[in-house]
Amino acid sequence: MVQMDATSLFCPEFSLPVRQFLKSLPDNEVAHIVTKEKRALARMQHICFAYDWSLANKEVGDEFHFLVTKQPILKQ
């Protein structure tokens, strides 16, 4: 598992660095992303839906924690 501390990133700067970080990971890697961005859930859902990655989330105090499993893209 790898971790990204995105607590200093807020919209609109949040999505691009997070997406680039996730795309750089190997398939089947699990990433733990921590942020304080209140709109992060919608952003993370959009990113994970676009790439068909699984997403789990939890709110702890003023932080949002996301676990993203980067699943391999199935080629047809």
N, C-alpha and C. Protein backbone atom coordinates (compact mmCIF):
# COMPACT_ATOMS: atom_id res chain seq x y z
N MET A 1 0.85 -1.17 0.00
CA MET A 1 0.00 0.00 0.00
C MET A 1 0.90 1.24 0.00
N VAL A 2 0.51 2.19 -0.83
CA VAL A 2 1.22 3.46 -0.88
C VAL A 2 0.28 4.55 -0.39
N GLN A 3 0.85 5.65 0.08
CA GLN A 3 0.02 6.72 0.63
C GLN A 3 0.34 8.04 -0.04
N MET A 4 -0.69 8.85 -0.20
CA MET A 4 -0.53 10.22 -0.70
C MET A 4 -1.18 11.16 0.30
N ASP A 5 -0.40 12.10 0.79
CA ASP A 5 -0.93 13.13 1.68
C ASP A 5 -1.36 14.30 0.81
N ALA A 6 -2.66 14.44 0.63
CA ALA A 6 -3.20 15.51 -0.20
C ALA A 6 -3.92 16.55 0.66
N THR A 7 -3.52 16.65 1.93
CA THR A 7 -4.22 17.56 2.84
C THR A 7 -4.01 19.02 2.48
N SER A 8 -3.00 19.32 1.68
CA SER A 8 -2.77 20.72 1.28
C SER A 8 -3.38 21.03 -0.08
N LEU A 9 -4.02 20.04 -0.72
CA LEU A 9 -4.61 20.25 -2.04
C LEU A 9 -6.11 20.48 -1.92
N PHE A 10 -6.58 21.54 -2.54
CA PHE A 10 -8.00 21.86 -2.56
C PHE A 10 -8.40 22.13 -4.00
N CYS A 11 -9.70 21.98 -4.29
CA CYS A 11 -10.18 22.20 -5.66
C CYS A 11 -9.89 23.63 -6.07
N PRO A 12 -9.51 23.81 -7.32
CA PRO A 12 -9.49 22.84 -8.40
C PRO A 12 -8.18 22.07 -8.52
N GLU A 13 -7.19 22.33 -7.65
CA GLU A 13 -5.89 21.68 -7.77
C GLU A 13 -5.87 20.23 -7.28
N PHE A 14 -6.94 19.76 -6.68
CA PHE A 14 -6.96 18.44 -6.07
C PHE A 14 -6.92 17.30 -7.10
N SER A 15 -7.76 17.36 -8.10
CA SER A 15 -7.99 16.22 -8.99
C SER A 15 -6.78 15.80 -9.82
N LEU A 16 -6.10 16.75 -10.45
CA LEU A 16 -5.02 16.39 -11.36
C LEU A 16 -3.85 15.68 -10.67
N PRO A 17 -3.30 16.21 -9.57
CA PRO A 17 -2.19 15.49 -8.92
C PRO A 17 -2.60 14.11 -8.40
N VAL A 18 -3.82 14.01 -7.89
CA VAL A 18 -4.28 12.71 -7.38
C VAL A 18 -4.41 11.71 -8.52
N ARG A 19 -5.00 12.14 -9.62
CA ARG A 19 -5.16 11.25 -10.78
C ARG A 19 -3.80 10.83 -11.33
N GLN A 20 -2.86 11.76 -11.43
CA GLN A 20 -1.52 11.43 -11.93
C GLN A 20 -0.82 10.44 -10.99
N PHE A 21 -0.98 10.64 -9.70
CA PHE A 21 -0.39 9.73 -8.71
C PHE A 21 -0.96 8.32 -8.90
N LEU A 22 -2.28 8.22 -9.01
CA LEU A 22 -2.92 6.91 -9.15
C LEU A 22 -2.54 6.24 -10.47
N LYS A 23 -2.48 7.00 -11.54
CA LYS A 23 -2.14 6.42 -12.84
C LYS A 23 -0.71 5.91 -12.87
N SER A 24 0.17 6.48 -12.04
CA SER A 24 1.58 6.06 -12.03
C SER A 24 1.80 4.74 -11.29
N LEU A 25 0.80 4.29 -10.56
CA LEU A 25 0.94 3.07 -9.77
C LEU A 25 0.77 1.82 -10.64
N PRO A 26 1.41 0.73 -10.24
CA PRO A 26 1.20 -0.53 -10.98
C PRO A 26 -0.20 -1.09 -10.71
N ASP A 27 -0.66 -1.94 -11.61
CA ASP A 27 -1.96 -2.60 -11.43
C ASP A 27 -2.00 -3.36 -10.12
N ASN A 28 -3.16 -3.42 -9.53
CA ASN A 28 -3.45 -4.12 -8.27
C ASN A 28 -2.84 -3.45 -7.04
N GLU A 29 -2.27 -2.29 -7.20
CA GLU A 29 -1.73 -1.54 -6.06
C GLU A 29 -2.90 -0.88 -5.31
N VAL A 30 -2.75 -0.75 -4.01
CA VAL A 30 -3.75 -0.07 -3.19
C VAL A 30 -3.13 1.25 -2.72
N ALA A 31 -3.88 2.32 -2.90
CA ALA A 31 -3.41 3.64 -2.50
C ALA A 31 -4.31 4.20 -1.41
N HIS A 32 -3.69 4.79 -0.41
CA HIS A 32 -4.42 5.46 0.68
C HIS A 32 -4.19 6.95 0.48
N ILE A 33 -5.27 7.68 0.23
CA ILE A 33 -5.18 9.12 -0.01
C ILE A 33 -5.91 9.84 1.11
N VAL A 34 -5.23 10.82 1.70
CA VAL A 34 -5.80 11.60 2.80
C VAL A 34 -5.92 13.05 2.34
N THR A 35 -7.08 13.64 2.56
CA THR A 35 -7.30 15.03 2.17
C THR A 35 -8.26 15.71 3.14
N LYS A 36 -8.29 17.02 3.06
CA LYS A 36 -9.26 17.81 3.82
C LYS A 36 -10.24 18.50 2.87
N GLU A 37 -10.13 18.21 1.59
CA GLU A 37 -11.01 18.80 0.57
C GLU A 37 -12.42 18.25 0.75
N LYS A 38 -13.36 19.13 1.02
CA LYS A 38 -14.74 18.71 1.31
C LYS A 38 -15.45 18.11 0.10
N ARG A 39 -15.02 18.45 -1.10
CA ARG A 39 -15.64 17.91 -2.32
C ARG A 39 -14.86 16.72 -2.88
N ALA A 40 -13.97 16.18 -2.09
CA ALA A 40 -13.10 15.10 -2.58
C ALA A 40 -13.86 13.83 -2.92
N LEU A 41 -14.92 13.51 -2.20
CA LEU A 41 -15.64 12.28 -2.49
C LEU A 41 -16.16 12.27 -3.92
N ALA A 42 -16.78 13.35 -4.34
CA ALA A 42 -17.29 13.42 -5.71
C ALA A 42 -16.15 13.33 -6.72
N ARG A 43 -15.05 13.98 -6.44
CA ARG A 43 -13.89 13.95 -7.35
C ARG A 43 -13.31 12.53 -7.44
N MET A 44 -13.18 11.89 -6.29
CA MET A 44 -12.62 10.53 -6.27
C MET A 44 -13.56 9.54 -6.95
N GLN A 45 -14.85 9.70 -6.75
CA GLN A 45 -15.81 8.81 -7.41
C GLN A 45 -15.71 8.97 -8.93
N HIS A 46 -15.56 10.19 -9.39
CA HIS A 46 -15.45 10.44 -10.82
C HIS A 46 -14.17 9.81 -11.39
N ILE A 47 -13.05 10.00 -10.73
CA ILE A 47 -11.78 9.43 -11.19
C ILE A 47 -11.87 7.91 -11.23
N CYS A 48 -12.33 7.31 -10.15
CA CYS A 48 -12.38 5.85 -10.08
C CYS A 48 -13.38 5.26 -11.06
N PHE A 49 -14.48 5.93 -11.29
CA PHE A 49 -15.46 5.45 -12.27
C PHE A 49 -14.86 5.49 -13.67
N ALA A 50 -14.14 6.57 -13.98
CA ALA A 50 -13.55 6.72 -15.32
C ALA A 50 -12.54 5.63 -15.63
N TYR A 51 -11.81 5.15 -14.63
CA TYR A 51 -10.77 4.15 -14.84
C TYR A 51 -11.16 2.76 -14.33
N ASP A 52 -12.38 2.63 -13.81
CA ASP A 52 -12.89 1.36 -13.29
C ASP A 52 -12.03 0.83 -12.14
N TRP A 53 -11.67 1.72 -11.22
CA TRP A 53 -10.92 1.36 -10.03
C TRP A 53 -11.89 1.30 -8.86
N SER A 54 -11.59 0.47 -7.88
CA SER A 54 -12.49 0.39 -6.72
C SER A 54 -12.13 1.48 -5.71
N LEU A 55 -13.15 1.93 -4.98
CA LEU A 55 -12.98 3.04 -4.05
C LEU A 55 -13.71 2.73 -2.75
N ALA A 56 -13.02 2.97 -1.64
CA ALA A 56 -13.63 2.91 -0.31
C ALA A 56 -13.26 4.22 0.38
N ASN A 57 -14.16 4.74 1.19
CA ASN A 57 -13.87 6.01 1.84
C ASN A 57 -14.37 6.02 3.27
N LYS A 58 -13.73 6.91 4.06
CA LYS A 58 -14.11 7.09 5.45
C LYS A 58 -13.75 8.50 5.86
N GLU A 59 -14.63 9.11 6.65
CA GLU A 59 -14.38 10.45 7.16
C GLU A 59 -13.95 10.33 8.61
N VAL A 60 -12.82 10.95 8.95
CA VAL A 60 -12.30 10.93 10.32
C VAL A 60 -12.02 12.38 10.71
N GLY A 61 -12.88 12.93 11.55
CA GLY A 61 -12.72 14.34 11.92
C GLY A 61 -12.89 15.22 10.70
N ASP A 62 -11.88 16.04 10.43
CA ASP A 62 -11.94 16.91 9.25
C ASP A 62 -11.17 16.33 8.06
N GLU A 63 -10.76 15.08 8.16
CA GLU A 63 -10.02 14.42 7.07
C GLU A 63 -10.87 13.37 6.39
N PHE A 64 -10.63 13.23 5.10
CA PHE A 64 -11.27 12.20 4.30
C PHE A 64 -10.20 11.21 3.87
N HIS A 65 -10.46 9.94 4.10
CA HIS A 65 -9.52 8.88 3.76
C HIS A 65 -10.13 8.03 2.65
N PHE A 66 -9.32 7.79 1.61
CA PHE A 66 -9.77 6.99 0.48
C PHE A 66 -8.81 5.84 0.24
N LEU A 67 -9.36 4.67 0.01
CA LEU A 67 -8.56 3.52 -0.43
C LEU A 67 -8.98 3.23 -1.86
N VAL A 68 -8.01 3.31 -2.74
CA VAL A 68 -8.25 3.06 -4.16
C VAL A 68 -7.44 1.85 -4.56
N THR A 69 -8.12 0.87 -5.15
CA THR A 69 -7.42 -0.29 -5.70
C THR A 69 -7.38 -0.12 -7.20
N LYS A 70 -6.17 -0.03 -7.71
CA LYS A 70 -6.00 0.18 -9.16
C LYS A 70 -6.06 -1.17 -9.84
N GLN A 71 -7.19 -1.45 -10.44
CA GLN A 71 -7.40 -2.70 -11.12
C GLN A 71 -6.93 -2.58 -12.56
N PRO A 72 -6.42 -3.67 -13.13
CA PRO A 72 -5.95 -3.62 -14.51
C PRO A 72 -7.12 -3.36 -15.46
N ILE A 73 -6.82 -2.60 -16.50
CA ILE A 73 -7.83 -2.33 -17.53
C ILE A 73 -7.93 -3.55 -18.42
N LEU A 74 -9.14 -4.05 -18.57
CA LEU A 74 -9.36 -5.23 -19.42
C LEU A 74 -9.40 -4.80 -20.88
N LYS A 75 -8.57 -5.41 -21.67
CA LYS A 75 -8.55 -5.09 -23.10
C LYS A 75 -9.46 -6.04 -23.83
N GLN A 76 -10.26 -5.48 -24.71
CA GLN A 76 -11.22 -6.32 -25.44
C GLN A 76 -10.73 -6.56 -26.84
